[in-house]
N, C-alpha and C. Protein backbone atom coordinates (compact mmCIF):
# COMPACT_ATOMS: atom_id res chain seq x y z
N UNK A 1 -12.39 75.79 3.20
CA UNK A 1 -12.57 75.21 2.03
C UNK A 1 -13.26 73.84 1.94
N UNK A 2 -14.62 74.03 1.98
CA UNK A 2 -15.71 72.90 1.93
C UNK A 2 -15.62 72.19 0.63
N UNK A 3 -15.88 70.69 0.86
CA UNK A 3 -16.22 69.92 -0.21
C UNK A 3 -17.45 69.42 -0.31
N UNK A 4 -18.23 69.12 -1.21
CA UNK A 4 -19.61 68.77 -1.13
C UNK A 4 -19.48 67.37 -2.01
N UNK A 5 -20.09 66.19 -1.58
CA UNK A 5 -20.29 65.00 -2.15
C UNK A 5 -21.83 64.65 -2.12
N UNK A 6 -22.16 64.13 -3.36
CA UNK A 6 -23.53 63.68 -3.47
C UNK A 6 -23.65 62.28 -4.21
N UNK A 7 -24.59 61.44 -4.09
CA UNK A 7 -24.86 60.45 -4.91
C UNK A 7 -25.25 60.97 -6.36
N UNK A 8 -24.93 60.14 -7.51
CA UNK A 8 -24.99 60.51 -8.67
C UNK A 8 -26.52 61.08 -9.08
N UNK A 9 -26.69 62.21 -9.29
CA UNK A 9 -28.00 62.75 -9.63
C UNK A 9 -28.69 63.12 -8.36
N UNK A 10 -28.30 62.89 -7.25
CA UNK A 10 -29.03 63.12 -6.07
C UNK A 10 -28.99 64.66 -5.72
N UNK A 11 -30.32 65.22 -5.35
CA UNK A 11 -30.26 66.75 -4.94
C UNK A 11 -29.58 66.97 -3.50
N UNK A 12 -29.37 66.04 -2.83
CA UNK A 12 -28.87 66.05 -1.32
C UNK A 12 -27.32 65.81 -1.43
N UNK A 13 -26.69 66.76 -0.78
CA UNK A 13 -25.39 66.88 -0.79
C UNK A 13 -24.75 66.53 0.74
N UNK A 14 -23.42 66.03 0.96
CA UNK A 14 -22.92 66.19 2.06
C UNK A 14 -21.69 67.09 2.19
N UNK A 15 -21.52 67.72 3.02
CA UNK A 15 -20.24 68.80 3.03
C UNK A 15 -19.26 68.42 3.88
N UNK A 16 -17.99 68.24 3.44
CA UNK A 16 -16.79 67.82 4.16
C UNK A 16 -15.88 68.74 4.23
N UNK A 17 -14.99 69.04 5.18
CA UNK A 17 -14.12 70.12 5.45
C UNK A 17 -12.79 69.92 4.57
N UNK A 18 -12.45 68.80 3.99
CA UNK A 18 -11.26 68.88 3.25
C UNK A 18 -11.48 67.58 2.00
N UNK A 19 -10.58 67.83 1.09
CA UNK A 19 -10.37 66.72 0.10
C UNK A 19 -9.91 65.41 0.82
N UNK A 20 -9.18 65.48 1.76
CA UNK A 20 -8.71 64.09 2.40
C UNK A 20 -9.78 63.44 2.86
N UNK A 21 -10.91 64.36 3.40
CA UNK A 21 -11.90 63.55 4.02
C UNK A 21 -12.91 62.66 3.01
N UNK A 22 -12.88 63.44 1.81
CA UNK A 22 -13.54 62.78 0.75
C UNK A 22 -12.92 61.49 0.35
N UNK A 23 -11.69 61.55 0.15
CA UNK A 23 -10.71 60.46 -0.35
C UNK A 23 -10.99 59.26 0.79
N UNK A 24 -10.80 59.77 1.96
CA UNK A 24 -11.26 58.54 3.28
C UNK A 24 -12.24 57.86 2.96
N UNK A 25 -13.45 58.65 2.62
CA UNK A 25 -14.77 58.00 2.40
C UNK A 25 -14.74 57.16 1.15
N UNK A 26 -14.02 57.60 0.20
CA UNK A 26 -13.97 56.84 -0.94
C UNK A 26 -13.12 55.36 -0.61
N UNK A 27 -12.19 55.53 -0.01
CA UNK A 27 -11.40 54.29 0.49
C UNK A 27 -12.19 53.38 1.38
N UNK A 28 -12.87 54.00 2.12
CA UNK A 28 -13.80 53.07 3.26
C UNK A 28 -15.12 52.75 2.67
N UNK A 29 -15.30 52.96 1.28
CA UNK A 29 -16.51 52.36 0.67
C UNK A 29 -17.70 53.44 0.94
N UNK A 30 -17.56 54.46 1.67
CA UNK A 30 -18.71 55.46 1.82
C UNK A 30 -19.27 55.92 0.61
N UNK A 31 -18.23 56.19 -0.34
CA UNK A 31 -18.49 56.82 -1.57
C UNK A 31 -18.15 55.83 -2.79
N UNK A 32 -18.93 55.87 -3.95
CA UNK A 32 -18.41 55.18 -4.94
C UNK A 32 -17.93 55.97 -5.89
N UNK A 33 -17.00 55.48 -6.83
CA UNK A 33 -16.14 56.34 -7.98
C UNK A 33 -17.21 56.94 -8.82
N UNK A 34 -18.37 56.70 -8.81
CA UNK A 34 -19.38 57.35 -9.86
C UNK A 34 -20.32 58.40 -9.16
N UNK A 35 -19.97 58.41 -7.74
CA UNK A 35 -20.87 59.58 -7.09
C UNK A 35 -20.20 60.67 -7.45
N UNK A 36 -20.81 62.06 -7.10
CA UNK A 36 -20.17 63.40 -7.70
C UNK A 36 -19.55 64.27 -6.47
N UNK A 37 -18.82 65.02 -7.12
CA UNK A 37 -18.05 65.67 -5.96
C UNK A 37 -17.93 67.23 -6.54
N UNK A 38 -18.03 68.10 -5.71
CA UNK A 38 -17.75 69.51 -5.94
C UNK A 38 -16.79 70.26 -5.01
N UNK A 39 -15.72 70.81 -5.45
CA UNK A 39 -14.77 71.37 -4.65
C UNK A 39 -14.96 73.01 -4.62
N UNK A 40 -14.19 73.48 -3.56
CA UNK A 40 -14.29 74.92 -3.47
C UNK A 40 -14.10 75.78 -4.83
N UNK A 41 -15.15 76.75 -4.94
CA UNK A 41 -15.06 77.51 -6.17
C UNK A 41 -15.54 76.85 -7.32
N UNK A 42 -15.98 75.82 -7.21
CA UNK A 42 -16.55 74.85 -8.38
C UNK A 42 -18.00 74.96 -8.46
N UNK A 43 -18.39 75.10 -9.60
CA UNK A 43 -19.93 75.17 -9.70
C UNK A 43 -20.50 73.94 -10.44
N UNK A 44 -19.93 73.23 -10.91
CA UNK A 44 -20.46 71.97 -11.63
C UNK A 44 -19.94 70.63 -10.71
N UNK A 45 -21.08 69.64 -10.84
CA UNK A 45 -20.52 68.27 -10.27
C UNK A 45 -19.85 67.58 -10.99
N UNK A 46 -18.78 66.86 -10.48
CA UNK A 46 -17.81 66.12 -11.25
C UNK A 46 -18.06 64.70 -10.77
N UNK A 47 -17.88 63.54 -11.48
CA UNK A 47 -17.83 62.16 -10.99
C UNK A 47 -16.58 62.02 -10.12
N UNK A 48 -16.39 61.41 -9.08
CA UNK A 48 -15.20 61.44 -8.29
C UNK A 48 -14.08 60.66 -9.37
N UNK A 49 -14.49 59.78 -9.99
CA UNK A 49 -13.35 59.06 -10.88
C UNK A 49 -12.71 60.04 -11.72
N UNK A 50 -13.51 61.13 -12.08
CA UNK A 50 -13.26 61.93 -13.24
C UNK A 50 -12.52 63.34 -12.59
N UNK A 51 -12.40 63.56 -11.29
CA UNK A 51 -12.18 64.72 -10.71
C UNK A 51 -10.58 64.70 -10.47
N UNK A 52 -9.64 65.43 -11.03
CA UNK A 52 -8.27 65.38 -11.16
C UNK A 52 -7.77 65.31 -9.41
N UNK A 53 -8.43 65.61 -8.51
CA UNK A 53 -7.98 65.42 -7.24
C UNK A 53 -7.96 63.99 -6.68
N UNK A 54 -9.04 63.35 -7.11
CA UNK A 54 -9.27 62.10 -6.69
C UNK A 54 -9.19 60.77 -7.90
N UNK A 55 -8.84 61.37 -9.03
CA UNK A 55 -8.68 60.37 -10.07
C UNK A 55 -7.80 59.02 -9.80
N UNK A 56 -6.63 59.39 -9.00
CA UNK A 56 -5.61 58.37 -8.75
C UNK A 56 -6.14 57.40 -7.70
N UNK A 57 -6.72 58.12 -6.71
CA UNK A 57 -7.35 57.15 -5.74
C UNK A 57 -8.52 56.25 -6.20
N UNK A 58 -9.56 56.89 -7.29
CA UNK A 58 -10.68 56.06 -7.73
C UNK A 58 -9.96 55.08 -8.53
N UNK A 59 -8.64 55.40 -9.28
CA UNK A 59 -8.23 54.21 -9.98
C UNK A 59 -7.87 53.18 -9.50
N UNK A 60 -6.94 53.26 -8.25
CA UNK A 60 -6.68 52.01 -7.16
C UNK A 60 -7.92 51.30 -6.90
N UNK A 61 -8.99 51.87 -6.60
CA UNK A 61 -9.99 51.14 -6.16
C UNK A 61 -10.61 50.39 -7.06
N UNK A 62 -10.73 50.84 -8.59
CA UNK A 62 -11.11 50.04 -9.40
C UNK A 62 -10.41 49.16 -10.00
N UNK A 63 -9.06 49.33 -9.93
CA UNK A 63 -7.98 48.25 -10.60
C UNK A 63 -7.54 47.14 -9.42
N UNK A 64 -8.04 45.94 -9.53
CA UNK A 64 -7.58 45.04 -8.61
C UNK A 64 -6.29 44.84 -8.68
N UNK A 65 -5.66 45.12 -9.70
CA UNK A 65 -4.24 44.74 -9.78
C UNK A 65 -3.23 45.63 -8.72
N UNK A 66 -4.07 46.67 -8.08
CA UNK A 66 -3.13 47.26 -7.26
C UNK A 66 -3.33 46.83 -5.81
N UNK A 67 -4.03 45.48 -5.76
CA UNK A 67 -4.27 44.99 -4.44
C UNK A 67 -2.85 44.30 -4.20
N UNK A 68 -2.52 44.36 -2.81
CA UNK A 68 -1.24 43.91 -2.44
C UNK A 68 -1.33 42.28 -2.18
N UNK A 69 -0.58 41.54 -2.52
CA UNK A 69 -0.88 40.23 -2.34
C UNK A 69 -0.37 39.42 -0.94
N UNK A 70 -0.96 38.71 -0.43
CA UNK A 70 -0.67 38.36 0.97
C UNK A 70 0.29 37.01 0.72
N UNK A 71 1.44 37.28 1.16
CA UNK A 71 2.57 36.26 1.01
C UNK A 71 2.06 35.13 2.11
N UNK A 72 1.64 35.45 2.99
CA UNK A 72 1.35 34.45 4.20
C UNK A 72 0.03 33.41 3.91
N UNK A 73 -0.63 33.92 2.79
CA UNK A 73 -1.65 32.93 2.10
C UNK A 73 -1.38 31.37 1.82
N UNK A 74 -1.88 30.55 2.12
CA UNK A 74 -1.46 29.18 1.56
C UNK A 74 -2.65 28.42 0.95
N UNK A 75 -2.68 28.28 -0.15
CA UNK A 75 -3.88 27.70 -0.81
C UNK A 75 -3.91 26.11 -0.51
N UNK A 76 -4.92 25.80 0.06
CA UNK A 76 -4.98 24.49 0.47
C UNK A 76 -5.64 23.60 -0.72
N UNK A 77 -6.06 24.12 -1.84
CA UNK A 77 -6.90 23.26 -2.69
C UNK A 77 -6.16 22.05 -3.27
N UNK A 78 -4.90 22.38 -3.79
CA UNK A 78 -4.08 21.27 -4.26
C UNK A 78 -3.81 20.17 -3.33
N UNK A 79 -3.48 20.67 -2.04
CA UNK A 79 -3.35 19.59 -0.89
C UNK A 79 -4.59 18.99 -0.96
N UNK A 80 -5.75 19.50 -0.58
CA UNK A 80 -6.97 18.61 -0.53
C UNK A 80 -7.15 17.54 -1.72
N UNK A 81 -6.92 17.88 -2.96
CA UNK A 81 -7.14 17.05 -4.12
C UNK A 81 -6.06 15.89 -3.98
N UNK A 82 -4.89 16.03 -3.46
CA UNK A 82 -3.99 15.08 -3.34
C UNK A 82 -4.30 14.09 -2.30
N UNK A 83 -4.86 14.64 -1.16
CA UNK A 83 -5.50 13.69 -0.08
C UNK A 83 -6.75 12.91 -0.62
N UNK A 84 -7.43 13.51 -1.64
CA UNK A 84 -8.62 12.86 -1.96
C UNK A 84 -8.22 11.75 -2.94
N UNK A 85 -7.10 11.91 -3.68
CA UNK A 85 -6.57 10.85 -4.55
C UNK A 85 -6.04 9.55 -3.75
N UNK A 86 -5.19 9.93 -2.70
CA UNK A 86 -4.56 9.04 -1.93
C UNK A 86 -5.65 8.33 -1.28
N UNK A 87 -6.81 8.94 -0.60
CA UNK A 87 -7.64 8.14 0.10
C UNK A 87 -8.56 7.25 -1.02
N UNK A 88 -8.68 7.65 -2.08
CA UNK A 88 -9.37 6.67 -3.06
C UNK A 88 -8.19 5.53 -3.41
N UNK A 89 -7.12 5.71 -3.65
CA UNK A 89 -6.09 4.74 -3.87
C UNK A 89 -6.12 3.69 -2.89
N UNK A 90 -6.02 4.33 -1.43
CA UNK A 90 -6.01 3.24 -0.33
C UNK A 90 -7.19 2.33 -0.37
N UNK A 91 -8.49 3.03 -0.28
CA UNK A 91 -9.56 2.35 -0.46
C UNK A 91 -9.65 1.20 -1.45
N UNK A 92 -9.24 1.52 -2.91
CA UNK A 92 -9.18 0.57 -3.72
C UNK A 92 -8.21 -0.75 -3.63
N UNK A 93 -6.92 -0.28 -2.91
CA UNK A 93 -6.18 -1.17 -2.55
C UNK A 93 -6.57 -1.95 -1.67
N UNK A 94 -7.10 -1.61 -0.52
CA UNK A 94 -7.65 -2.32 0.42
C UNK A 94 -8.90 -3.40 0.00
N UNK A 95 -9.67 -3.00 -0.68
CA UNK A 95 -10.77 -3.66 -1.37
C UNK A 95 -10.09 -4.64 -2.33
N UNK A 96 -9.12 -4.42 -3.18
CA UNK A 96 -8.52 -5.36 -3.97
C UNK A 96 -7.99 -6.61 -3.32
N UNK A 97 -7.03 -6.15 -2.11
CA UNK A 97 -6.58 -7.03 -1.22
C UNK A 97 -7.54 -8.15 -0.56
N UNK A 98 -8.78 -7.70 -0.18
CA UNK A 98 -9.73 -8.34 0.37
C UNK A 98 -10.29 -9.18 -0.75
N UNK A 99 -10.51 -8.76 -1.87
CA UNK A 99 -10.94 -9.68 -2.91
C UNK A 99 -10.00 -10.77 -3.15
N UNK A 100 -8.77 -10.45 -3.19
CA UNK A 100 -7.60 -11.59 -3.46
C UNK A 100 -7.75 -12.65 -2.56
N UNK A 101 -7.91 -12.42 -1.06
CA UNK A 101 -7.98 -13.30 -0.19
C UNK A 101 -9.30 -14.17 -0.21
N UNK A 102 -10.54 -13.40 -0.62
CA UNK A 102 -11.69 -14.08 -0.69
C UNK A 102 -11.62 -14.89 -2.01
N UNK A 103 -10.58 -14.85 -3.13
CA UNK A 103 -10.62 -15.74 -4.34
C UNK A 103 -9.77 -16.91 -3.97
N UNK A 104 -8.80 -16.52 -2.79
CA UNK A 104 -7.74 -17.77 -2.45
C UNK A 104 -8.42 -18.63 -1.66
N UNK A 105 -9.65 -18.31 -0.88
CA UNK A 105 -10.05 -19.21 0.04
C UNK A 105 -10.68 -20.49 -0.82
N UNK A 106 -10.24 -21.71 -0.44
CA UNK A 106 -10.81 -23.18 -1.17
C UNK A 106 -12.33 -23.29 -0.49
N UNK A 107 -13.08 -23.52 -1.71
CA UNK A 107 -14.64 -23.56 -1.29
C UNK A 107 -14.88 -24.79 -0.78
N UNK A 108 -15.73 -24.80 0.10
CA UNK A 108 -16.20 -26.03 0.82
C UNK A 108 -17.57 -26.85 -0.14
N UNK A 109 -17.13 -28.07 -0.18
CA UNK A 109 -18.39 -28.74 -1.08
C UNK A 109 -19.70 -28.68 -0.79
N UNK A 110 -20.53 -28.57 -1.55
CA UNK A 110 -22.14 -28.64 -0.98
C UNK A 110 -22.33 -29.80 -0.31
N UNK A 111 -23.35 -29.56 0.68
CA UNK A 111 -23.76 -30.68 1.66
C UNK A 111 -24.19 -31.91 0.91
N UNK A 112 -24.99 -31.72 -0.19
CA UNK A 112 -25.61 -33.00 -0.79
C UNK A 112 -24.51 -33.67 -1.53
N UNK A 113 -23.42 -32.85 -2.00
CA UNK A 113 -22.42 -33.76 -2.71
C UNK A 113 -21.24 -34.25 -1.82
N UNK A 114 -21.24 -33.89 -0.53
CA UNK A 114 -20.12 -34.22 0.43
C UNK A 114 -20.01 -35.79 0.46
N UNK A 115 -20.92 -36.45 0.64
CA UNK A 115 -21.07 -37.94 0.59
C UNK A 115 -20.37 -38.35 -0.55
N UNK A 116 -20.37 -37.90 -1.72
CA UNK A 116 -20.03 -38.60 -2.97
C UNK A 116 -18.43 -38.16 -3.33
N UNK A 117 -17.82 -37.17 -2.41
CA UNK A 117 -16.47 -36.95 -2.67
C UNK A 117 -15.68 -37.87 -1.76
N UNK A 118 -14.40 -38.23 -2.35
CA UNK A 118 -13.50 -39.16 -1.58
C UNK A 118 -13.13 -38.27 -0.27
N UNK A 119 -12.92 -39.28 0.90
CA UNK A 119 -12.59 -38.67 1.98
C UNK A 119 -11.15 -38.86 2.31
N UNK A 120 -10.23 -37.58 2.63
CA UNK A 120 -8.98 -37.54 2.95
C UNK A 120 -8.80 -37.96 4.26
N UNK A 121 -8.09 -38.99 4.81
CA UNK A 121 -7.56 -39.28 6.19
C UNK A 121 -6.47 -38.46 6.62
N UNK A 122 -6.54 -37.65 7.48
CA UNK A 122 -5.65 -37.01 8.09
C UNK A 122 -4.22 -37.65 8.30
N UNK A 123 -4.24 -38.95 8.61
CA UNK A 123 -3.15 -39.76 8.87
C UNK A 123 -2.35 -39.85 7.68
N UNK A 124 -3.20 -39.77 6.59
CA UNK A 124 -2.30 -40.13 5.21
C UNK A 124 -1.43 -38.84 4.69
N UNK A 125 -1.87 -37.49 5.17
CA UNK A 125 -1.24 -36.46 4.81
C UNK A 125 -0.58 -35.63 6.05
N UNK A 126 -0.73 -36.33 7.15
CA UNK A 126 -0.14 -35.42 8.37
C UNK A 126 1.33 -35.27 8.38
N UNK A 127 2.12 -36.04 7.45
CA UNK A 127 3.46 -35.73 7.36
C UNK A 127 3.98 -34.73 6.40
N UNK A 128 2.95 -33.76 5.79
CA UNK A 128 3.20 -32.74 4.86
C UNK A 128 2.27 -31.63 5.25
N UNK A 129 1.31 -31.95 6.07
CA UNK A 129 0.42 -30.77 6.62
C UNK A 129 0.41 -30.35 8.14
N UNK A 130 -0.05 -29.18 8.63
CA UNK A 130 -0.09 -29.05 9.87
C UNK A 130 -1.46 -28.49 9.97
N UNK A 131 -1.93 -28.68 11.23
CA UNK A 131 -3.65 -28.49 11.46
C UNK A 131 -3.90 -27.13 12.20
N UNK A 132 -4.76 -26.36 11.58
CA UNK A 132 -5.28 -25.06 12.43
C UNK A 132 -6.70 -25.52 12.36
N UNK A 133 -7.22 -25.43 13.70
CA UNK A 133 -8.60 -25.33 13.65
C UNK A 133 -9.03 -24.19 14.37
N UNK A 134 -10.32 -23.74 13.97
CA UNK A 134 -11.24 -22.64 14.18
C UNK A 134 -12.51 -22.99 14.43
N UNK A 135 -13.00 -23.17 15.67
CA UNK A 135 -14.32 -23.51 16.24
C UNK A 135 -14.87 -22.56 17.05
N UNK A 136 -16.45 -22.69 17.07
CA UNK A 136 -16.95 -21.80 18.06
C UNK A 136 -17.09 -22.32 19.36
N UNK A 137 -16.82 -21.70 20.52
CA UNK A 137 -16.89 -22.13 21.76
C UNK A 137 -17.85 -21.09 22.51
N UNK A 138 -19.20 -21.31 22.34
CA UNK A 138 -20.12 -20.34 22.83
C UNK A 138 -20.14 -19.25 21.87
N UNK A 139 -20.11 -18.00 22.55
CA UNK A 139 -19.90 -16.97 21.46
C UNK A 139 -18.54 -16.44 20.89
N UNK A 140 -17.57 -17.28 21.57
CA UNK A 140 -16.29 -16.94 21.07
C UNK A 140 -15.66 -18.12 20.05
N UNK A 141 -14.51 -17.58 19.55
CA UNK A 141 -13.99 -18.67 18.47
C UNK A 141 -12.83 -19.03 19.17
N UNK A 142 -12.43 -20.43 19.12
CA UNK A 142 -11.32 -21.02 19.62
C UNK A 142 -10.40 -21.40 18.70
N UNK A 143 -9.09 -20.93 18.36
CA UNK A 143 -8.22 -21.23 17.50
C UNK A 143 -7.09 -22.11 18.03
N UNK A 144 -6.85 -23.13 17.60
CA UNK A 144 -5.71 -24.08 17.80
C UNK A 144 -4.98 -24.50 16.74
N UNK A 145 -3.41 -24.52 17.08
CA UNK A 145 -2.51 -24.97 16.22
C UNK A 145 -1.95 -26.36 16.43
N UNK A 146 -2.29 -27.24 15.77
CA UNK A 146 -1.86 -28.72 16.29
C UNK A 146 -2.38 -28.95 17.60
N UNK A 147 -3.73 -28.78 17.73
CA UNK A 147 -4.55 -28.79 18.92
C UNK A 147 -4.13 -27.97 20.27
N UNK A 148 -3.08 -27.06 20.00
CA UNK A 148 -2.60 -26.12 21.11
C UNK A 148 -3.45 -24.90 21.06
N UNK A 149 -4.13 -24.38 22.08
CA UNK A 149 -4.79 -23.16 21.86
C UNK A 149 -3.74 -21.80 21.57
N UNK A 150 -4.19 -21.06 20.71
CA UNK A 150 -3.21 -19.81 20.32
C UNK A 150 -4.13 -18.66 19.96
N UNK A 151 -3.62 -17.65 20.44
CA UNK A 151 -4.39 -16.23 20.13
C UNK A 151 -4.09 -15.93 18.55
N UNK A 152 -5.15 -15.29 18.19
CA UNK A 152 -5.09 -15.03 16.64
C UNK A 152 -3.84 -14.21 16.15
N UNK A 153 -3.58 -13.30 17.17
CA UNK A 153 -2.43 -12.27 16.99
C UNK A 153 -1.10 -12.94 17.15
N UNK A 154 -1.02 -14.22 17.71
CA UNK A 154 0.36 -14.97 17.86
C UNK A 154 0.49 -15.91 16.91
N UNK A 155 -0.60 -16.17 15.88
CA UNK A 155 -0.87 -17.47 14.98
C UNK A 155 0.32 -17.50 14.24
N UNK A 156 0.79 -16.35 13.40
CA UNK A 156 1.53 -16.29 12.62
C UNK A 156 3.17 -16.52 13.13
N UNK A 157 3.44 -16.14 14.19
CA UNK A 157 4.54 -16.53 14.84
C UNK A 157 4.81 -17.97 15.24
N UNK A 158 3.72 -18.42 15.82
CA UNK A 158 3.62 -19.83 16.28
C UNK A 158 3.87 -20.90 15.10
N UNK A 159 2.97 -20.35 13.98
CA UNK A 159 2.96 -21.37 12.66
C UNK A 159 4.25 -21.23 12.25
N UNK A 160 5.09 -20.12 12.14
CA UNK A 160 6.39 -20.02 11.74
C UNK A 160 7.41 -21.00 12.32
N UNK A 161 7.39 -21.06 13.92
CA UNK A 161 8.18 -22.13 14.54
C UNK A 161 7.77 -23.52 14.05
N UNK A 162 6.47 -23.70 14.20
CA UNK A 162 6.04 -24.97 13.79
C UNK A 162 6.64 -25.64 12.46
N UNK A 163 6.56 -24.64 11.59
CA UNK A 163 6.96 -25.12 10.18
C UNK A 163 8.57 -25.03 10.03
N UNK A 164 9.32 -24.48 11.00
CA UNK A 164 10.73 -24.54 11.06
C UNK A 164 11.06 -25.80 11.61
N UNK A 165 10.37 -26.17 12.56
CA UNK A 165 10.60 -27.61 13.36
C UNK A 165 10.20 -28.73 12.41
N UNK A 166 9.21 -28.79 11.82
CA UNK A 166 8.65 -29.82 11.16
C UNK A 166 9.05 -29.94 9.69
N UNK A 167 9.15 -28.92 9.13
CA UNK A 167 9.31 -28.87 7.81
C UNK A 167 8.12 -28.99 6.89
N UNK A 168 6.96 -28.90 7.46
CA UNK A 168 5.65 -29.05 6.63
C UNK A 168 5.37 -27.71 6.26
N UNK A 169 4.71 -27.70 5.05
CA UNK A 169 4.76 -26.35 4.48
C UNK A 169 3.34 -26.39 3.74
N UNK A 170 2.14 -27.24 4.29
CA UNK A 170 0.93 -27.25 3.82
C UNK A 170 0.05 -27.13 5.11
N UNK A 171 -1.33 -26.38 4.79
CA UNK A 171 -2.17 -26.21 6.19
C UNK A 171 -3.30 -27.11 5.93
N UNK A 172 -3.93 -27.69 6.73
CA UNK A 172 -5.20 -28.25 6.86
C UNK A 172 -5.96 -27.40 7.95
N UNK A 173 -7.06 -26.67 7.20
CA UNK A 173 -7.86 -25.82 7.88
C UNK A 173 -8.97 -26.51 8.53
N UNK A 174 -9.37 -26.80 9.70
CA UNK A 174 -10.58 -27.55 10.22
C UNK A 174 -11.36 -26.49 10.67
N UNK A 175 -12.45 -25.95 9.87
CA UNK A 175 -13.06 -24.79 10.12
C UNK A 175 -14.63 -24.99 10.47
N UNK A 176 -15.00 -24.26 11.46
CA UNK A 176 -16.35 -24.31 11.74
C UNK A 176 -16.94 -23.20 10.95
N UNK A 177 -18.16 -23.58 10.16
CA UNK A 177 -18.67 -22.52 9.15
C UNK A 177 -19.24 -21.50 10.01
N UNK A 178 -19.45 -21.22 11.16
CA UNK A 178 -20.11 -20.29 11.72
C UNK A 178 -18.97 -19.36 12.33
N UNK A 179 -17.75 -19.57 12.15
CA UNK A 179 -16.65 -18.42 12.45
C UNK A 179 -16.75 -17.46 11.65
N UNK A 180 -16.53 -16.33 12.14
CA UNK A 180 -16.61 -15.06 11.78
C UNK A 180 -15.56 -14.96 10.36
N UNK A 181 -16.07 -14.23 9.51
CA UNK A 181 -15.14 -13.76 8.26
C UNK A 181 -13.77 -13.23 8.58
N UNK A 182 -13.63 -12.40 9.61
CA UNK A 182 -12.40 -11.77 9.95
C UNK A 182 -11.58 -12.72 10.57
N UNK A 183 -11.84 -13.72 11.34
CA UNK A 183 -10.95 -14.64 11.78
C UNK A 183 -10.60 -15.67 10.57
N UNK A 184 -11.22 -16.21 9.81
CA UNK A 184 -10.88 -16.72 8.50
C UNK A 184 -9.77 -16.15 7.73
N UNK A 185 -10.09 -14.68 7.70
CA UNK A 185 -9.20 -14.09 6.95
C UNK A 185 -7.55 -13.81 7.68
N UNK A 186 -7.83 -13.71 8.98
CA UNK A 186 -6.74 -13.72 9.86
C UNK A 186 -5.75 -14.84 9.73
N UNK A 187 -6.47 -16.19 9.69
CA UNK A 187 -5.80 -17.23 9.67
C UNK A 187 -5.10 -17.34 8.43
N UNK A 188 -5.73 -17.10 7.17
CA UNK A 188 -5.11 -17.18 5.88
C UNK A 188 -4.03 -16.22 5.59
N UNK A 189 -4.11 -15.13 6.39
CA UNK A 189 -3.12 -14.16 6.04
C UNK A 189 -1.83 -14.56 6.82
N UNK A 190 -1.94 -15.26 8.11
CA UNK A 190 -0.76 -15.94 8.71
C UNK A 190 -0.11 -17.06 7.91
N UNK A 191 -1.05 -17.76 7.13
CA UNK A 191 -0.44 -18.89 6.26
C UNK A 191 0.22 -18.17 5.13
N UNK A 192 -0.29 -17.02 4.50
CA UNK A 192 0.41 -16.65 3.54
C UNK A 192 1.59 -15.81 4.01
N UNK A 193 1.84 -15.24 5.00
CA UNK A 193 2.83 -14.59 5.51
C UNK A 193 3.88 -15.64 5.76
N UNK A 194 3.70 -16.87 6.07
CA UNK A 194 4.64 -17.57 6.28
C UNK A 194 4.92 -18.47 5.11
N UNK A 195 4.65 -18.20 3.95
CA UNK A 195 4.73 -18.99 2.57
C UNK A 195 4.12 -20.21 2.40
N UNK A 196 3.13 -20.45 3.28
CA UNK A 196 2.11 -21.81 2.88
C UNK A 196 1.81 -21.92 1.45
N UNK A 197 1.99 -22.74 0.78
CA UNK A 197 1.66 -22.88 -0.59
C UNK A 197 0.56 -23.72 -0.91
N UNK A 198 0.01 -24.34 0.11
CA UNK A 198 -1.36 -25.14 -0.27
C UNK A 198 -2.29 -25.07 1.01
N UNK A 199 -3.48 -24.80 0.91
CA UNK A 199 -4.33 -24.85 2.13
C UNK A 199 -5.59 -25.81 1.86
N UNK A 200 -5.82 -26.80 2.74
CA UNK A 200 -6.77 -27.80 2.55
C UNK A 200 -7.97 -27.36 3.48
N UNK A 201 -9.09 -27.45 2.97
CA UNK A 201 -10.06 -27.05 4.07
C UNK A 201 -10.94 -28.22 4.32
N UNK A 202 -11.09 -28.42 5.62
CA UNK A 202 -12.06 -29.23 6.14
C UNK A 202 -13.13 -28.82 6.96
N UNK A 203 -14.17 -28.31 6.25
CA UNK A 203 -15.12 -27.62 6.90
C UNK A 203 -16.01 -28.58 7.80
N UNK A 204 -16.51 -27.71 9.01
CA UNK A 204 -17.62 -28.52 9.86
C UNK A 204 -19.05 -28.00 9.35
N UNK A 205 -20.07 -28.62 9.56
CA UNK A 205 -21.32 -28.76 9.44
C UNK A 205 -21.81 -27.50 10.29
N UNK A 206 -22.79 -26.42 9.75
CA UNK A 206 -23.32 -25.65 10.76
C UNK A 206 -24.37 -26.63 11.71
N UNK A 207 -24.27 -25.75 13.03
CA UNK A 207 -25.06 -26.44 13.88
C UNK A 207 -26.38 -26.00 14.31
């Protein structure tokens, strides 16, 4: 009981031993549902999708609704969207925090006007301020708290102890203008973390 299959309208046909072989070729993509088939004793060619033996198999191939859903599949698109939103949020938050610090930094007076401004004597305000200095020592920055050298990562703790002992809550920042912006920001962050409510700036001229 041989079966013959050919492409639609083609004069060349392939002979297969059974209907199961035809159905297997259809499932494997060897044949299209529009290809023609002729069974034992049949004289006319019939499209596979219209042949009663293969109509159900052809319908399953054409109908994507018969595909079995993979329960193990995880759609990562929503997770990626959330991660992108969080990334943008953190970038904007960090940028805004940096801007706040920049705005809060007291401005140094222009050099040409410095001589016209009244000078503040440290002796007159030393009972309410503590001194933090940051000066260039070669290629490195030397940070001192009341003339005592201090590492930048220990500044906030040492500052807190000093404020608790002396009761002084304002800071006089003796700043070398060549000091990197990151060091200046770290000093201001330490002051802000200890609740310093006023920062006075005593800039040094560039060398």
